[in-house]
């Protein structure tokens, strides 16, 4: 994507909080610090029972398909993502009634070595990517959480609304007239100023990540009344140069970096809110 701002020559043309977030990413141990907000798990392998492991290897090497399928059926993980394995494993009669599918799967399994099949079964599971609960937990640890009544009465200092999805959504729409489909990740109040925000972790370009970027941009684009909308964005959008020192031009980064709205790393959120004191 073509940039409209020369980020190397004229970084001052960026939104000030975008600029600070980029500086934080480039000039500090940003990825270490972000563990405070998004405490990703350790990716540890899940070892099979030694007896099951031996039986899988033996059945694979001897091409005993029926035995191998029965062994794999008893595990929670499959060696690769197969579009119908769940149905075969969990629906009565599917394995017996669909020999062509079983043969297709067997050929896929035998295209690997027996050891490779086991290694895939023992591979570390995908890390928890439920970012919302992580962000909300961090908010509660770092800001003063108040119930709805106390939040509405508060007129001094920084606080966040600690409420359910339903209560928060009703407050945002019925009281503040924001017309949102769901409760924002952040509902904060600084003295009498209310700031709401959508929090996004964007780990890489492509796929669903662009949709996440567009969600936060659209959220900020529809500013209403005296309520300030911001994006609390972390990850790839703050990357400016790749490892070859070439400018990152992926739209997930450029659209955030060139946004006219306040986009800020969660690590700078406290500083951002305190400016309204």
Protein backbone atom coordinates (compact mmCIF):
# COMPACT_ATOMS: atom_id res chain seq x y z
CA UNK A 1 0.00 0.00 0.00
CA UNK A 2 1.35 3.43 -0.92
CA UNK A 3 2.02 5.73 2.00
CA UNK A 4 0.81 9.33 1.95
CA UNK A 5 3.10 10.43 4.79
CA UNK A 6 6.88 10.26 4.48
CA UNK A 7 7.42 8.58 7.82
CA UNK A 8 11.21 8.84 7.63
CA UNK A 9 11.47 12.52 6.71
CA UNK A 10 8.29 13.90 8.28
CA UNK A 11 7.32 11.75 11.29
CA UNK A 12 5.81 14.88 12.86
CA UNK A 13 2.92 14.55 10.40
CA UNK A 14 1.76 11.42 12.21
CA UNK A 15 -0.75 11.54 15.03
CA UNK A 16 1.26 12.16 18.21
CA UNK A 17 0.12 8.90 19.85
CA UNK A 18 0.89 6.91 16.73
CA UNK A 19 4.34 8.44 16.74
CA UNK A 20 4.90 7.60 20.41
CA UNK A 21 3.68 4.03 19.86
CA UNK A 22 6.07 3.56 16.94
CA UNK A 23 8.95 4.96 19.00
CA UNK A 24 8.11 2.54 21.80
CA UNK A 25 8.08 -0.38 19.37
CA UNK A 26 11.37 0.58 17.73
CA UNK A 27 13.40 1.76 20.70
CA UNK A 28 12.46 -0.49 23.62
CA UNK A 29 11.78 -4.08 24.60
CA UNK A 30 8.21 -3.54 23.44
CA UNK A 31 7.37 -7.20 22.85
CA UNK A 32 8.61 -8.10 26.33
CA UNK A 33 6.58 -5.30 27.88
CA UNK A 34 3.38 -6.24 26.03
CA UNK A 35 3.35 -9.54 27.96
CA UNK A 36 1.93 -7.50 30.83
CA UNK A 37 -1.14 -6.79 28.69
CA UNK A 38 -1.32 -10.00 26.67
CA UNK A 39 0.28 -12.78 28.76
CA UNK A 40 0.71 -15.35 26.02
CA UNK A 41 1.19 -18.91 27.22
CA UNK A 42 4.30 -21.04 26.89
CA UNK A 43 4.02 -23.31 23.86
CA UNK A 44 4.83 -26.66 25.48
CA UNK A 45 4.49 -29.97 23.57
CA UNK A 46 1.85 -32.47 24.72
CA UNK A 47 3.49 -35.89 25.05
CA UNK A 48 1.53 -38.99 24.16
CA UNK A 49 1.35 -41.96 26.49
CA UNK A 50 4.40 -44.08 25.68
CA UNK A 51 2.29 -47.15 24.93
CA UNK A 52 -0.05 -45.26 22.57
CA UNK A 53 2.96 -43.72 20.88
CA UNK A 54 4.50 -47.13 20.18
CA UNK A 55 1.22 -48.55 18.88
CA UNK A 56 0.68 -45.60 16.50
CA UNK A 57 4.20 -45.97 15.09
CA UNK A 58 3.79 -49.74 14.67
CA UNK A 59 0.37 -49.46 12.98
CA UNK A 60 1.65 -46.71 10.69
CA UNK A 61 4.77 -48.59 9.65
CA UNK A 62 2.79 -51.79 9.00
CA UNK A 63 0.05 -49.86 7.12
CA UNK A 64 -2.63 -51.27 9.43
CA UNK A 65 -5.11 -48.55 8.55
CA UNK A 66 -8.07 -49.73 10.65
CA UNK A 67 -5.95 -49.96 13.80
CA UNK A 68 -4.29 -46.60 13.11
CA UNK A 69 -7.63 -44.85 12.60
CA UNK A 70 -8.97 -46.37 15.85
CA UNK A 71 -5.92 -45.15 17.75
CA UNK A 72 -6.18 -41.63 16.32
CA UNK A 73 -9.89 -41.58 17.09
CA UNK A 74 -9.08 -41.74 20.79
CA UNK A 75 -6.91 -38.61 20.73
CA UNK A 76 -7.98 -34.98 20.92
CA UNK A 77 -5.58 -33.90 18.18
CA UNK A 78 -5.13 -35.07 14.58
CA UNK A 79 -1.79 -34.90 12.71
CA UNK A 80 -3.13 -32.33 10.24
CA UNK A 81 -6.25 -30.26 9.63
CA UNK A 82 -8.69 -32.47 7.77
CA UNK A 83 -12.11 -31.08 6.75
CA UNK A 84 -14.08 -34.22 7.66
CA UNK A 85 -12.09 -35.88 10.45
CA UNK A 86 -14.41 -34.48 13.14
CA UNK A 87 -17.43 -36.09 11.42
CA UNK A 88 -15.68 -39.42 10.97
CA UNK A 89 -14.55 -39.43 14.57
CA UNK A 90 -17.79 -38.32 16.22
CA UNK A 91 -20.69 -39.45 14.03
CA UNK A 92 -22.03 -42.98 14.35
CA UNK A 93 -21.34 -45.17 11.34
CA UNK A 94 -19.26 -42.63 9.41
CA UNK A 95 -16.01 -44.60 9.51
CA UNK A 96 -17.63 -47.87 8.41
CA UNK A 97 -19.81 -46.28 5.74
CA UNK A 98 -17.20 -44.14 4.01
CA UNK A 99 -14.20 -46.28 2.97
CA UNK A 100 -13.07 -43.87 0.25
CA UNK A 101 -12.64 -41.08 2.79
CA UNK A 102 -10.77 -43.43 5.13
CA UNK A 103 -8.48 -44.40 2.25
CA UNK A 104 -7.88 -40.73 1.40
CA UNK A 105 -6.95 -39.96 5.00
CA UNK A 106 -4.74 -43.06 5.20
CA UNK A 107 -2.81 -41.96 2.11
CA UNK A 108 -2.32 -38.54 3.68
CA UNK A 109 -1.01 -40.15 6.87
CA UNK A 110 1.29 -42.54 4.99
CA UNK A 111 2.76 -39.66 3.02
CA UNK A 112 4.40 -38.77 6.35
CA UNK A 113 6.79 -40.98 8.23
CA UNK A 114 5.48 -42.66 11.37
CA UNK A 115 7.75 -40.45 13.45
CA UNK A 116 6.50 -37.30 11.75
CA UNK A 117 2.91 -38.34 12.47
CA UNK A 118 3.72 -38.67 16.17
CA UNK A 119 5.64 -35.41 16.25
CA UNK A 120 2.61 -33.61 14.84
CA UNK A 121 0.36 -35.23 17.42
CA UNK A 122 2.67 -34.06 20.19
CA UNK A 123 3.20 -30.55 18.81
CA UNK A 124 2.44 -27.64 21.12
CA UNK A 125 -1.19 -26.52 20.88
CA UNK A 126 -2.13 -23.17 19.45
CA UNK A 127 -1.70 -20.43 22.02
CA UNK A 128 -4.75 -18.84 23.55
CA UNK A 129 -5.74 -15.98 21.27
CA UNK A 130 -8.67 -14.72 23.32
CA UNK A 131 -7.23 -11.23 23.57
CA UNK A 132 -10.33 -9.53 25.01
CA UNK A 133 -10.19 -11.22 28.43
CA UNK A 134 -6.43 -10.60 28.63
CA UNK A 135 -6.88 -6.89 27.91
CA UNK A 136 -9.78 -6.57 30.36
CA UNK A 137 -7.78 -8.27 33.10
CA UNK A 138 -4.89 -5.87 32.51
CA UNK A 139 -7.27 -2.90 32.64
CA UNK A 140 -8.61 -3.98 36.04
CA UNK A 141 -5.09 -4.43 37.41
CA UNK A 142 -3.86 -1.03 36.24
CA UNK A 143 -6.85 1.30 36.55
CA UNK A 144 -9.55 1.91 39.13
CA UNK A 145 -12.58 -0.24 38.22
CA UNK A 146 -15.97 1.13 39.30
CA UNK A 147 -19.50 -0.19 39.02
CA UNK A 148 -21.96 1.79 36.92
CA UNK A 149 -23.37 4.01 39.70
CA UNK A 150 -19.94 4.92 41.07
CA UNK A 151 -18.60 5.44 37.55
CA UNK A 152 -21.37 7.88 36.72
CA UNK A 153 -20.85 9.80 39.99
CA UNK A 154 -17.08 10.03 39.54
CA UNK A 155 -15.86 13.51 38.57
CA UNK A 156 -12.19 13.35 39.58
CA UNK A 157 -9.32 11.14 38.51
CA UNK A 158 -9.12 8.19 36.13
CA UNK A 159 -11.43 5.19 36.36
CA UNK A 160 -12.83 2.47 34.14
CA UNK A 161 -16.32 0.99 34.02
CA UNK A 162 -16.36 -2.51 35.49
CA UNK A 163 -19.55 -4.02 34.14
CA UNK A 164 -21.03 -6.87 32.20
CA UNK A 165 -21.37 -6.77 28.42
CA UNK A 166 -25.10 -6.02 28.73
CA UNK A 167 -24.81 -3.24 31.34
CA UNK A 168 -21.92 -1.59 29.50
CA UNK A 169 -23.71 -1.71 26.17
CA UNK A 170 -26.89 -0.21 27.65
CA UNK A 171 -24.93 2.61 29.28
CA UNK A 172 -23.02 3.38 26.09
CA UNK A 173 -26.12 3.40 23.90
CA UNK A 174 -28.96 4.55 26.16
CA UNK A 175 -27.08 7.13 28.21
CA UNK A 176 -24.26 8.19 25.89
CA UNK A 177 -26.11 7.61 22.58
CA UNK A 178 -23.19 5.90 20.85
CA UNK A 179 -25.20 3.41 18.77
CA UNK A 180 -22.78 0.50 19.12
CA UNK A 181 -23.49 -3.17 18.48
CA UNK A 182 -21.41 -4.30 21.45
CA UNK A 183 -19.75 -2.97 24.59
CA UNK A 184 -16.39 -1.34 23.80
CA UNK A 185 -13.30 -2.97 25.32
CA UNK A 186 -12.49 0.28 27.11
CA UNK A 187 -14.94 2.57 28.87
CA UNK A 188 -12.90 5.10 30.82
CA UNK A 189 -13.60 8.37 32.56
CA UNK A 190 -11.09 11.09 33.32
CA UNK A 191 -12.67 13.73 35.56
CA UNK A 192 -15.87 14.27 33.50
CA UNK A 193 -14.51 13.21 30.10
CA UNK A 194 -15.52 9.76 28.84
CA UNK A 195 -13.18 7.87 26.51
CA UNK A 196 -14.16 4.59 24.88
CA UNK A 197 -11.88 2.33 22.91
CA UNK A 198 -11.56 -0.85 20.90
CA UNK A 199 -8.50 -2.96 21.75
CA UNK A 200 -6.81 -5.01 19.04
CA UNK A 201 -3.76 -7.26 18.92
CA UNK A 202 -2.61 -7.52 15.29
CA UNK A 203 0.12 -10.14 15.17
CA UNK A 204 0.82 -10.16 11.43
CA UNK A 205 -0.51 -8.89 8.11
CA UNK A 206 -3.11 -10.69 6.04
CA UNK A 207 -6.04 -12.93 6.79
CA UNK A 208 -8.44 -11.78 9.46
CA UNK A 209 -6.02 -9.09 10.62
CA UNK A 210 -7.21 -6.56 8.03
CA UNK A 211 -10.77 -7.03 9.26
CA UNK A 212 -9.60 -6.27 12.80
CA UNK A 213 -7.89 -3.10 11.59
CA UNK A 214 -11.00 -1.95 9.73
CA UNK A 215 -13.14 -2.58 12.81
CA UNK A 216 -11.07 -0.25 14.96
CA UNK A 217 -10.83 2.39 12.21
CA UNK A 218 -14.61 2.34 11.67
CA UNK A 219 -15.16 2.53 15.41
CA UNK A 220 -13.06 5.70 15.62
CA UNK A 221 -14.49 7.17 12.44
CA UNK A 222 -17.97 7.52 13.97
CA UNK A 223 -17.20 9.96 16.76
CA UNK A 224 -20.43 11.03 18.52
CA UNK A 225 -21.05 13.91 20.91
CA UNK A 226 -18.53 14.59 23.65
CA UNK A 227 -17.40 10.97 23.95
CA UNK A 228 -13.90 10.38 22.57
CA UNK A 229 -13.27 7.17 20.63
CA UNK A 230 -9.78 5.70 20.38
CA UNK A 231 -8.05 2.56 19.14
CA UNK A 232 -5.87 0.66 21.60
CA UNK A 233 -3.76 -1.19 19.07
CA UNK A 234 -0.71 -3.38 19.53
CA UNK A 235 1.57 -5.60 17.50
CA UNK A 236 2.40 -5.40 13.80
CA UNK A 237 0.84 -1.95 13.10
CA UNK A 238 3.72 -0.29 14.95
CA UNK A 239 6.35 -1.92 12.74
CA UNK A 240 8.00 0.55 10.32
CA UNK A 241 10.95 -1.40 8.85
CA UNK A 242 11.36 -5.09 8.09
CA UNK A 243 14.56 -7.01 8.81
CA UNK A 244 16.04 -5.77 5.51
CA UNK A 245 15.37 -2.16 6.57
CA UNK A 246 12.72 -1.78 3.93
CA UNK A 247 9.68 0.28 4.77
CA UNK A 248 6.70 -1.80 5.83
CA UNK A 249 3.88 -1.01 3.40
CA UNK A 250 1.28 -3.57 4.45
CA UNK A 251 -2.10 -1.91 4.75
CA UNK A 252 -2.60 -3.25 8.28
CA UNK A 253 0.32 -1.06 9.40
CA UNK A 254 -0.11 1.92 7.06
CA UNK A 255 -3.82 2.41 7.79
CA UNK A 256 -3.18 2.54 11.53
CA UNK A 257 -0.05 4.67 11.29
CA UNK A 258 -1.68 7.24 9.01
CA UNK A 259 -5.00 7.37 10.87
CA UNK A 260 -6.17 10.82 11.86
CA UNK A 261 -7.67 9.39 15.04
CA UNK A 262 -5.90 8.55 18.28
CA UNK A 263 -4.36 5.10 17.95
CA UNK A 264 -2.25 4.17 20.94
CA UNK A 265 -0.44 1.17 22.32
CA UNK A 266 -1.93 -0.18 25.54
CA UNK A 267 1.48 0.49 27.10
CA UNK A 268 0.84 4.23 26.60
CA UNK A 269 -2.81 4.19 27.62
CA UNK A 270 -2.19 5.53 31.10
CA UNK A 271 -0.20 8.47 29.72
CA UNK A 272 -2.93 9.09 27.15
CA UNK A 273 -5.70 9.20 29.75
CA UNK A 274 -3.72 11.35 32.16
CA UNK A 275 -3.50 14.16 29.65
CA UNK A 276 -7.21 14.82 30.31
CA UNK A 277 -6.62 15.40 34.03
